[in-house]
Amino acid sequence: MPPYIRCMTARRCLLLVALLRGLLACTQTVVEARVLDAEDRSPLAFAAVAAPGTSVITNADGAFRITLERSTDTLRISYLGYLPVRITA
């Protein structure tokens, strides 16, 4: 195969990889929510929210934003003095 064809083929493969990577990035799911006490509905500040490969802490209002790789990932929410909760996104 002539060198210019090999170069064009390599460029097309890189472009394809770049396009596929962009499509895969579109499959991520962003979850924005608040963690509240079940009884009095007060926000739980600084609760830990974890998913496979990532974790965040809620802000003073109990709000958080986390990006999941798959929409079927399970969130694990934990807070000192409370039982941990698992929620499928």
C-alpha atoms as a PDB file:
ATOM      1  CA  MET A   1       0.000   0.000   0.000  1.00  0.00           C
ATOM      2  CA  PRO A   2       1.447   3.419  -0.904  1.00  0.00           C
ATOM      3  CA  PRO A   3       2.457   5.597   2.079  1.00  0.00           C
ATOM      4  CA  TYR A   4      -0.118   8.329   1.335  1.00  0.00           C
ATOM      5  CA  ILE A   5      -2.946   5.762   1.485  1.00  0.00           C
ATOM      6  CA  ARG A   6      -1.647   4.397   4.803  1.00  0.00           C
ATOM      7  CA  CYS A   7      -1.570   7.955   6.153  1.00  0.00           C
ATOM      8  CA  MET A   8      -5.141   8.639   4.970  1.00  0.00           C
ATOM      9  CA  THR A   9      -6.328   5.348   6.466  1.00  0.00           C
ATOM     10  CA  ALA A  10      -4.675   6.193   9.794  1.00  0.00           C
ATOM     11  CA  ARG A  11      -6.321   9.625   9.788  1.00  0.00           C
ATOM     12  CA  ARG A  12      -9.721   8.091   9.100  1.00  0.00           C
ATOM     13  CA  CYS A  13      -9.219   5.630  11.958  1.00  0.00           C
ATOM     14  CA  LEU A  14      -8.257   8.459  14.316  1.00  0.00           C
ATOM     15  CA  LEU A  15     -11.299  10.437  13.208  1.00  0.00           C
ATOM     16  CA  LEU A  16     -13.493   7.393  13.777  1.00  0.00           C
ATOM     17  CA  VAL A  17     -12.026   6.893  17.254  1.00  0.00           C
ATOM     18  CA  ALA A  18     -12.597  10.583  18.046  1.00  0.00           C
ATOM     19  CA  LEU A  19     -16.211  10.354  16.846  1.00  0.00           C
ATOM     20  CA  LEU A  20     -16.883   7.157  18.808  1.00  0.00           C
ATOM     21  CA  ARG A  21     -15.360   8.678  21.914  1.00  0.00           C
ATOM     22  CA  GLY A  22     -17.688  11.652  21.527  1.00  0.00           C
ATOM     23  CA  LEU A  23     -20.688   9.359  21.149  1.00  0.00           C
ATOM     24  CA  LEU A  24     -19.690   7.396  24.233  1.00  0.00           C
ATOM     25  CA  ALA A  25     -19.372  10.629  26.196  1.00  0.00           C
ATOM     26  CA  CYS A  26     -22.989  11.384  25.263  1.00  0.00           C
ATOM     27  CA  THR A  27     -24.104   8.239  27.088  1.00  0.00           C
ATOM     28  CA  GLN A  28     -23.167   9.720  30.457  1.00  0.00           C
ATOM     29  CA  THR A  29     -25.980  10.699  32.780  1.00  0.00           C
ATOM     30  CA  VAL A  30     -25.882  13.768  35.025  1.00  0.00           C
ATOM     31  CA  VAL A  31     -27.873  13.503  38.237  1.00  0.00           C
ATOM     32  CA  GLU A  32     -28.739  16.672  40.164  1.00  0.00           C
ATOM     33  CA  ALA A  33     -30.667  16.208  43.404  1.00  0.00           C
ATOM     34  CA  ARG A  34     -30.870  17.023  47.104  1.00  0.00           C
ATOM     35  CA  VAL A  35     -30.402  14.768  50.109  1.00  0.00           C
ATOM     36  CA  LEU A  36     -33.095  15.395  52.730  1.00  0.00           C
ATOM     37  CA  ASP A  37     -34.048  13.899  56.076  1.00  0.00           C
ATOM     38  CA  ALA A  38     -37.023  11.569  55.520  1.00  0.00           C
ATOM     39  CA  GLU A  39     -38.959  12.831  58.558  1.00  0.00           C
ATOM     40  CA  ASP A  40     -38.561  16.595  58.702  1.00  0.00           C
ATOM     41  CA  ARG A  41     -37.304  17.161  55.113  1.00  0.00           C
ATOM     42  CA  SER A  42     -34.307  19.195  56.333  1.00  0.00           C
ATOM     43  CA  PRO A  43     -31.264  19.181  53.991  1.00  0.00           C
ATOM     44  CA  LEU A  44     -28.341  16.960  54.926  1.00  0.00           C
ATOM     45  CA  ALA A  45     -25.222  19.042  54.358  1.00  0.00           C
ATOM     46  CA  PHE A  46     -21.988  17.259  53.451  1.00  0.00           C
ATOM     47  CA  ALA A  47     -23.524  13.811  52.885  1.00  0.00           C
ATOM     48  CA  ALA A  48     -21.429  11.451  50.750  1.00  0.00           C
ATOM     49  CA  VAL A  49     -22.891  10.421  47.388  1.00  0.00           C
ATOM     50  CA  ALA A  50     -20.979   7.693  45.551  1.00  0.00           C
ATOM     51  CA  ALA A  51     -21.337   5.824  42.271  1.00  0.00           C
ATOM     52  CA  PRO A  52     -18.966   3.388  40.554  1.00  0.00           C
ATOM     53  CA  GLY A  53     -15.801   5.350  39.802  1.00  0.00           C
ATOM     54  CA  THR A  54     -16.848   8.693  41.315  1.00  0.00           C
ATOM     55  CA  SER A  55     -18.118  10.377  44.464  1.00  0.00           C
ATOM     56  CA  VAL A  56     -19.223  13.823  45.604  1.00  0.00           C
ATOM     57  CA  ILE A  57     -20.265  15.599  48.796  1.00  0.00           C
ATOM     58  CA  THR A  58     -23.533  17.533  49.118  1.00  0.00           C
ATOM     59  CA  ASN A  59     -23.356  21.282  49.702  1.00  0.00           C
ATOM     60  CA  ALA A  60     -24.884  23.168  52.653  1.00  0.00           C
ATOM     61  CA  ASP A  61     -28.354  22.849  51.073  1.00  0.00           C
ATOM     62  CA  GLY A  62     -27.986  19.087  50.609  1.00  0.00           C
ATOM     63  CA  ALA A  63     -27.671  19.522  46.822  1.00  0.00           C
ATOM     64  CA  PHE A  64     -25.258  17.584  44.636  1.00  0.00           C
ATOM     65  CA  ARG A  65     -24.426  16.952  40.991  1.00  0.00           C
ATOM     66  CA  ILE A  66     -22.773  13.730  39.850  1.00  0.00           C
ATOM     67  CA  THR A  67     -21.982  12.334  36.399  1.00  0.00           C
ATOM     68  CA  LEU A  68     -22.646   8.625  35.917  1.00  0.00           C
ATOM     69  CA  GLU A  69     -21.022   6.531  33.210  1.00  0.00           C
ATOM     70  CA  ARG A  70     -24.207   4.484  32.765  1.00  0.00           C
ATOM     71  CA  SER A  71     -27.787   5.441  33.494  1.00  0.00           C
ATOM     72  CA  THR A  72     -28.208   2.141  35.367  1.00  0.00           C
ATOM     73  CA  ASP A  73     -25.532   2.919  37.968  1.00  0.00           C
ATOM     74  CA  THR A  74     -26.517   2.803  41.617  1.00  0.00           C
ATOM     75  CA  LEU A  75     -25.953   5.784  43.894  1.00  0.00           C
ATOM     76  CA  ARG A  76     -24.923   5.124  47.502  1.00  0.00           C
ATOM     77  CA  ILE A  77     -25.790   7.964  49.869  1.00  0.00           C
ATOM     78  CA  SER A  78     -24.366   7.962  53.375  1.00  0.00           C
ATOM     79  CA  TYR A  79     -24.418  10.395  56.270  1.00  0.00           C
ATOM     80  CA  LEU A  80     -23.157  10.134  59.832  1.00  0.00           C
ATOM     81  CA  GLY A  81     -25.918   8.818  62.109  1.00  0.00           C
ATOM     82  CA  TYR A  82     -28.088   7.567  59.212  1.00  0.00           C
ATOM     83  CA  LEU A  83     -28.277   4.192  57.495  1.00  0.00           C
ATOM     84  CA  PRO A  84     -26.783   4.278  53.979  1.00  0.00           C
ATOM     85  CA  VAL A  85     -29.258   4.299  51.099  1.00  0.00           C
ATOM     86  CA  ARG A  86     -28.820   2.820  47.605  1.00  0.00           C
ATOM     87  CA  ILE A  87     -30.772   4.313  44.712  1.00  0.00           C
ATOM     88  CA  THR A  88     -30.687   3.228  41.077  1.00  0.00           C
ATOM     89  CA  ALA A  89     -30.451   6.377  38.965  1.00  0.00           C
END
